[in-house]
Amino acid sequence: MSIIRLAGLAVVLVIALLFAVFVGDQGPWYFAWVVGTVMIILIAGAGAILLDAQDEHATGKDN
C-alpha cells in the first residue's frame, strides 16, 4: 500500500471520528439520512436507464 493511499485513509478515518463525536446521539438519524439519499439517487438512476432502454426498444433503435 502506498503512503499516499495510507494518508488518505487516515484522513477519512479522522473525519469519520470527528463526525461521530460531534453528532453524538443523532448518529443513527444522520446514517439513515445518508443511506436514504444514496438509495434515492441509485433508484432514480436505475429508473432513468430503464426508461431510456424502453424508449429505444419502442422506437426501433434497439440493435
PDB file of N, CA and C in Angstrom:
ATOM      1  N   MET A   1       0.853  -1.173   0.000  1.00  0.00           N
ATOM      2  CA  MET A   1       0.000   0.000   0.000  1.00  0.00           C
ATOM      3  C   MET A   1       0.899   1.236   0.000  1.00  0.00           C
ATOM      4  N   SER A   2       0.603   2.167  -0.890  1.00  0.00           N
ATOM      5  CA  SER A   2       1.449   3.355  -0.972  1.00  0.00           C
ATOM      6  C   SER A   2       1.161   4.311   0.180  1.00  0.00           C
ATOM      7  N   ILE A   3       2.098   5.147   0.442  1.00  0.00           N
ATOM      8  CA  ILE A   3       1.987   6.089   1.558  1.00  0.00           C
ATOM      9  C   ILE A   3       0.882   7.112   1.317  1.00  0.00           C
ATOM     10  N   ILE A   4       0.648   7.485   0.059  1.00  0.00           N
ATOM     11  CA  ILE A   4      -0.409   8.454  -0.253  1.00  0.00           C
ATOM     12  C   ILE A   4      -1.784   7.848   0.036  1.00  0.00           C
ATOM     13  N   ARG A   5      -1.954   6.591  -0.338  1.00  0.00           N
ATOM     14  CA  ARG A   5      -3.226   5.919  -0.073  1.00  0.00           C
ATOM     15  C   ARG A   5      -3.447   5.761   1.433  1.00  0.00           C
ATOM     16  N   LEU A   6      -2.401   5.423   2.146  1.00  0.00           N
ATOM     17  CA  LEU A   6      -2.491   5.272   3.594  1.00  0.00           C
ATOM     18  C   LEU A   6      -2.829   6.613   4.261  1.00  0.00           C
ATOM     19  N   ALA A   7      -2.225   7.679   3.790  1.00  0.00           N
ATOM     20  CA  ALA A   7      -2.520   9.008   4.331  1.00  0.00           C
ATOM     21  C   ALA A   7      -3.962   9.408   4.037  1.00  0.00           C
ATOM     22  N   GLY A   8      -4.446   9.083   2.858  1.00  0.00           N
ATOM     23  CA  GLY A   8      -5.831   9.377   2.501  1.00  0.00           C
ATOM     24  C   GLY A   8      -6.814   8.635   3.394  1.00  0.00           C
ATOM     25  N   LEU A   9      -6.524   7.373   3.658  1.00  0.00           N
ATOM     26  CA  LEU A   9      -7.385   6.589   4.545  1.00  0.00           C
ATOM     27  C   LEU A   9      -7.342   7.131   5.972  1.00  0.00           C
ATOM     28  N   ALA A  10      -6.184   7.601   6.401  1.00  0.00           N
ATOM     29  CA  ALA A  10      -6.064   8.188   7.738  1.00  0.00           C
ATOM     30  C   ALA A  10      -6.899   9.464   7.838  1.00  0.00           C
ATOM     31  N   VAL A  11      -6.898  10.263   6.797  1.00  0.00           N
ATOM     32  CA  VAL A  11      -7.709  11.485   6.791  1.00  0.00           C
ATOM     33  C   VAL A  11      -9.189  11.136   6.851  1.00  0.00           C
ATOM     34  N   VAL A  12      -9.615  10.159   6.084  1.00  0.00           N
ATOM     35  CA  VAL A  12     -11.015   9.729   6.111  1.00  0.00           C
ATOM     36  C   VAL A  12     -11.389   9.224   7.503  1.00  0.00           C
ATOM     37  N   LEU A  13     -10.503   8.474   8.137  1.00  0.00           N
ATOM     38  CA  LEU A  13     -10.754   7.974   9.480  1.00  0.00           C
ATOM     39  C   LEU A  13     -10.917   9.105  10.483  1.00  0.00           C
ATOM     40  N   VAL A  14     -10.042  10.105  10.411  1.00  0.00           N
ATOM     41  CA  VAL A  14     -10.121  11.241  11.331  1.00  0.00           C
ATOM     42  C   VAL A  14     -11.425  12.011  11.115  1.00  0.00           C
ATOM     43  N   ILE A  15     -11.805  12.232   9.879  1.00  0.00           N
ATOM     44  CA  ILE A  15     -13.056  12.936   9.590  1.00  0.00           C
ATOM     45  C   ILE A  15     -14.249  12.146  10.117  1.00  0.00           C
ATOM     46  N   ALA A  16     -14.249  10.833   9.912  1.00  0.00           N
ATOM     47  CA  ALA A  16     -15.348   9.994  10.400  1.00  0.00           C
ATOM     48  C   ALA A  16     -15.428  10.018  11.917  1.00  0.00           C
ATOM     49  N   LEU A  17     -14.286   9.978  12.593  1.00  0.00           N
ATOM     50  CA  LEU A  17     -14.280  10.036  14.053  1.00  0.00           C
ATOM     51  C   LEU A  17     -14.778  11.383  14.580  1.00  0.00           C
ATOM     52  N   LEU A  18     -14.337  12.459  13.960  1.00  0.00           N
ATOM     53  CA  LEU A  18     -14.811  13.780  14.364  1.00  0.00           C
ATOM     54  C   LEU A  18     -16.312  13.923  14.128  1.00  0.00           C
ATOM     55  N   PHE A  19     -16.786  13.421  13.014  1.00  0.00           N
ATOM     56  CA  PHE A  19     -18.222  13.461  12.709  1.00  0.00           C
ATOM     57  C   PHE A  19     -18.999  12.678  13.758  1.00  0.00           C
ATOM     58  N   ALA A  20     -18.512  11.498  14.130  1.00  0.00           N
ATOM     59  CA  ALA A  20     -19.199  10.678  15.130  1.00  0.00           C
ATOM     60  C   ALA A  20     -19.230  11.363  16.487  1.00  0.00           C
ATOM     61  N   VAL A  21     -18.160  12.056  16.847  1.00  0.00           N
ATOM     62  CA  VAL A  21     -18.113  12.750  18.129  1.00  0.00           C
ATOM     63  C   VAL A  21     -19.090  13.925  18.142  1.00  0.00           C
ATOM     64  N   PHE A  22     -19.122  14.704  17.082  1.00  0.00           N
ATOM     65  CA  PHE A  22     -19.998  15.874  17.040  1.00  0.00           C
ATOM     66  C   PHE A  22     -21.467  15.491  16.925  1.00  0.00           C
ATOM     67  N   VAL A  23     -21.764  14.426  16.225  1.00  0.00           N
ATOM     68  CA  VAL A  23     -23.155  14.020  16.012  1.00  0.00           C
ATOM     69  C   VAL A  23     -23.740  13.433  17.289  1.00  0.00           C
ATOM     70  N   GLY A  24     -22.994  12.609  17.987  1.00  0.00           N
ATOM     71  CA  GLY A  24     -23.437  12.044  19.258  1.00  0.00           C
ATOM     72  C   GLY A  24     -24.645  11.138  19.111  1.00  0.00           C
ATOM     73  N   ASP A  25     -25.723  11.482  19.826  1.00  0.00           N
ATOM     74  CA  ASP A  25     -26.913  10.641  19.851  1.00  0.00           C
ATOM     75  C   ASP A  25     -27.711  10.675  18.556  1.00  0.00           C
ATOM     76  N   GLN A  26     -27.454  11.645  17.718  1.00  0.00           N
ATOM     77  CA  GLN A  26     -28.194  11.742  16.461  1.00  0.00           C
ATOM     78  C   GLN A  26     -27.524  10.956  15.337  1.00  0.00           C
ATOM     79  N   GLY A  27     -26.524  10.186  15.654  1.00  0.00           N
ATOM     80  CA  GLY A  27     -25.800   9.412  14.647  1.00  0.00           C
ATOM     81  C   GLY A  27     -26.680   8.520  13.796  1.00  0.00           C
ATOM     82  N   PRO A  28     -27.589   7.726  14.411  1.00  0.00           N
ATOM     83  CA  PRO A  28     -28.455   6.871  13.581  1.00  0.00           C
ATOM     84  C   PRO A  28     -29.321   7.659  12.600  1.00  0.00           C
ATOM     85  N   TRP A  29     -29.775   8.854  13.014  1.00  0.00           N
ATOM     86  CA  TRP A  29     -30.593   9.655  12.112  1.00  0.00           C
ATOM     87  C   TRP A  29     -29.778  10.105  10.900  1.00  0.00           C
ATOM     88  N   TYR A  30     -28.560  10.580  11.149  1.00  0.00           N
ATOM     89  CA  TYR A  30     -27.713  11.011  10.039  1.00  0.00           C
ATOM     90  C   TYR A  30     -27.321   9.838   9.155  1.00  0.00           C
ATOM     91  N   PHE A  31     -27.055   8.685   9.745  1.00  0.00           N
ATOM     92  CA  PHE A  31     -26.729   7.495   8.954  1.00  0.00           C
ATOM     93  C   PHE A  31     -27.894   7.125   8.045  1.00  0.00           C
ATOM     94  N   ALA A  32     -29.105   7.122   8.593  1.00  0.00           N
ATOM     95  CA  ALA A  32     -30.286   6.801   7.792  1.00  0.00           C
ATOM     96  C   ALA A  32     -30.499   7.841   6.699  1.00  0.00           C
ATOM     97  N   TRP A  33     -30.212   9.093   7.003  1.00  0.00           N
ATOM     98  CA  TRP A  33     -30.370  10.149   6.013  1.00  0.00           C
ATOM     99  C   TRP A  33     -29.393   9.950   4.853  1.00  0.00           C
ATOM    100  N   VAL A  34     -28.139   9.650   5.161  1.00  0.00           N
ATOM    101  CA  VAL A  34     -27.130   9.441   4.110  1.00  0.00           C
ATOM    102  C   VAL A  34     -27.471   8.207   3.273  1.00  0.00           C
ATOM    103  N   VAL A  35     -27.823   7.104   3.933  1.00  0.00           N
ATOM    104  CA  VAL A  35     -28.161   5.881   3.202  1.00  0.00           C
ATOM    105  C   VAL A  35     -29.407   6.103   2.352  1.00  0.00           C
ATOM    106  N   GLY A  36     -30.407   6.786   2.897  1.00  0.00           N
ATOM    107  CA  GLY A  36     -31.622   7.057   2.145  1.00  0.00           C
ATOM    108  C   GLY A  36     -31.368   7.924   0.932  1.00  0.00           C
ATOM    109  N   THR A  37     -30.520   8.933   1.082  1.00  0.00           N
ATOM    110  CA  THR A  37     -30.201   9.802  -0.043  1.00  0.00           C
ATOM    111  C   THR A  37     -29.495   9.027  -1.153  1.00  0.00           C
ATOM    112  N   VAL A  38     -28.557   8.194  -0.778  1.00  0.00           N
ATOM    113  CA  VAL A  38     -27.851   7.373  -1.778  1.00  0.00           C
ATOM    114  C   VAL A  38     -28.826   6.422  -2.474  1.00  0.00           C
ATOM    115  N   MET A  39     -29.732   5.818  -1.709  1.00  0.00           N
ATOM    116  CA  MET A  39     -30.707   4.894  -2.311  1.00  0.00           C
ATOM    117  C   MET A  39     -31.630   5.623  -3.286  1.00  0.00           C
ATOM    118  N   ILE A  40     -32.063   6.825  -2.937  1.00  0.00           N
ATOM    119  CA  ILE A  40     -32.927   7.595  -3.834  1.00  0.00           C
ATOM    120  C   ILE A  40     -32.200   7.890  -5.145  1.00  0.00           C
ATOM    121  N   ILE A  41     -30.937   8.275  -5.057  1.00  0.00           N
ATOM    122  CA  ILE A  41     -30.159   8.569  -6.265  1.00  0.00           C
ATOM    123  C   ILE A  41     -29.993   7.322  -7.123  1.00  0.00           C
ATOM    124  N   LEU A  42     -29.668   6.184  -6.486  1.00  0.00           N
ATOM    125  CA  LEU A  42     -29.479   4.946  -7.241  1.00  0.00           C
ATOM    126  C   LEU A  42     -30.777   4.478  -7.898  1.00  0.00           C
ATOM    127  N   ILE A  43     -31.892   4.565  -7.185  1.00  0.00           N
ATOM    128  CA  ILE A  43     -33.175   4.129  -7.746  1.00  0.00           C
ATOM    129  C   ILE A  43     -33.605   5.049  -8.889  1.00  0.00           C
ATOM    130  N   ALA A  44     -33.390   6.359  -8.728  1.00  0.00           N
ATOM    131  CA  ALA A  44     -33.732   7.292  -9.802  1.00  0.00           C
ATOM    132  C   ALA A  44     -32.866   7.033 -11.034  1.00  0.00           C
ATOM    133  N   GLY A  45     -31.590   6.768 -10.834  1.00  0.00           N
ATOM    134  CA  GLY A  45     -30.705   6.456 -11.964  1.00  0.00           C
ATOM    135  C   GLY A  45     -31.115   5.178 -12.668  1.00  0.00           C
ATOM    136  N   ALA A  46     -31.458   4.150 -11.895  1.00  0.00           N
ATOM    137  CA  ALA A  46     -31.898   2.891 -12.499  1.00  0.00           C
ATOM    138  C   ALA A  46     -33.197   3.086 -13.267  1.00  0.00           C
ATOM    139  N   GLY A  47     -34.104   3.898 -12.719  1.00  0.00           N
ATOM    140  CA  GLY A  47     -35.360   4.184 -13.423  1.00  0.00           C
ATOM    141  C   GLY A  47     -35.124   4.918 -14.734  1.00  0.00           C
ATOM    142  N   ALA A  48     -34.189   5.860 -14.730  1.00  0.00           N
ATOM    143  CA  ALA A  48     -33.873   6.594 -15.961  1.00  0.00           C
ATOM    144  C   ALA A  48     -33.260   5.672 -17.009  1.00  0.00           C
ATOM    145  N   ILE A  49     -32.405   4.773 -16.586  1.00  0.00           N
ATOM    146  CA  ILE A  49     -31.803   3.817 -17.526  1.00  0.00           C
ATOM    147  C   ILE A  49     -32.867   2.898 -18.103  1.00  0.00           C
ATOM    148  N   LEU A  50     -33.774   2.412 -17.246  1.00  0.00           N
ATOM    149  CA  LEU A  50     -34.850   1.538 -17.715  1.00  0.00           C
ATOM    150  C   LEU A  50     -35.767   2.277 -18.686  1.00  0.00           C
ATOM    151  N   LEU A  51     -36.125   3.518 -18.372  1.00  0.00           N
ATOM    152  CA  LEU A  51     -36.983   4.302 -19.253  1.00  0.00           C
ATOM    153  C   LEU A  51     -36.318   4.526 -20.607  1.00  0.00           C
ATOM    154  N   ASP A  52     -35.023   4.824 -20.606  1.00  0.00           N
ATOM    155  CA  ASP A  52     -34.290   5.021 -21.852  1.00  0.00           C
ATOM    156  C   ASP A  52     -34.254   3.740 -22.678  1.00  0.00           C
ATOM    157  N   ALA A  53     -34.018   2.615 -22.021  1.00  0.00           N
ATOM    158  CA  ALA A  53     -33.986   1.336 -22.740  1.00  0.00           C
ATOM    159  C   ALA A  53     -35.358   1.001 -23.322  1.00  0.00           C
ATOM    160  N   GLN A  54     -36.424   1.264 -22.572  1.00  0.00           N
ATOM    161  CA  GLN A  54     -37.768   1.001 -23.078  1.00  0.00           C
ATOM    162  C   GLN A  54     -38.096   1.925 -24.247  1.00  0.00           C
ATOM    163  N   ASP A  55     -37.666   3.175 -24.170  1.00  0.00           N
ATOM    164  CA  ASP A  55     -37.921   4.125 -25.252  1.00  0.00           C
ATOM    165  C   ASP A  55     -37.181   3.717 -26.518  1.00  0.00           C
ATOM    166  N   GLU A  56     -35.924   3.304 -26.370  1.00  0.00           N
ATOM    167  CA  GLU A  56     -35.164   2.849 -27.540  1.00  0.00           C
ATOM    168  C   GLU A  56     -35.799   1.612 -28.158  1.00  0.00           C
ATOM    169  N   HIS A  57     -36.278   0.705 -27.349  1.00  0.00           N
ATOM    170  CA  HIS A  57     -36.911  -0.504 -27.849  1.00  0.00           C
ATOM    171  C   HIS A  57     -38.220  -0.183 -28.558  1.00  0.00           C
ATOM    172  N   ALA A  58     -38.984   0.756 -28.024  1.00  0.00           N
ATOM    173  CA  ALA A  58     -40.279   1.113 -28.610  1.00  0.00           C
ATOM    174  C   ALA A  58     -40.119   1.848 -29.940  1.00  0.00           C
ATOM    175  N   THR A  59     -39.066   2.614 -30.101  1.00  0.00           N
ATOM    176  CA  THR A  59     -38.869   3.367 -31.354  1.00  0.00           C
ATOM    177  C   THR A  59     -38.099   2.568 -32.391  1.00  0.00           C
ATOM    178  N   GLY A  60     -37.668   1.378 -32.057  1.00  0.00           N
ATOM    179  CA  GLY A  60     -36.981   0.525 -33.013  1.00  0.00           C
ATOM    180  C   GLY A  60     -35.509   0.808 -33.157  1.00  0.00           C
ATOM    181  N   LYS A  61     -34.921   1.560 -32.253  1.00  0.00           N
ATOM    182  CA  LYS A  61     -33.487   1.853 -32.315  1.00  0.00           C
ATOM    183  C   LYS A  61     -32.655   0.765 -31.692  1.00  0.00           C
ATOM    184  N   ASP A  62     -33.290  -0.263 -31.155  1.00  0.00           N
ATOM    185  CA  ASP A  62     -32.583  -1.367 -30.489  1.00  0.00           C
ATOM    186  C   ASP A  62     -31.821  -2.179 -31.532  1.00  0.00           C
ATOM    187  N   ASN A  63     -30.550  -2.447 -31.272  1.00  0.00           N
ATOM    188  CA  ASN A  63     -29.730  -3.215 -32.239  1.00  0.00           C
ATOM    189  C   ASN A  63     -30.041  -4.662 -32.191  1.00  0.00           C
TER     190      ASN A  63
END
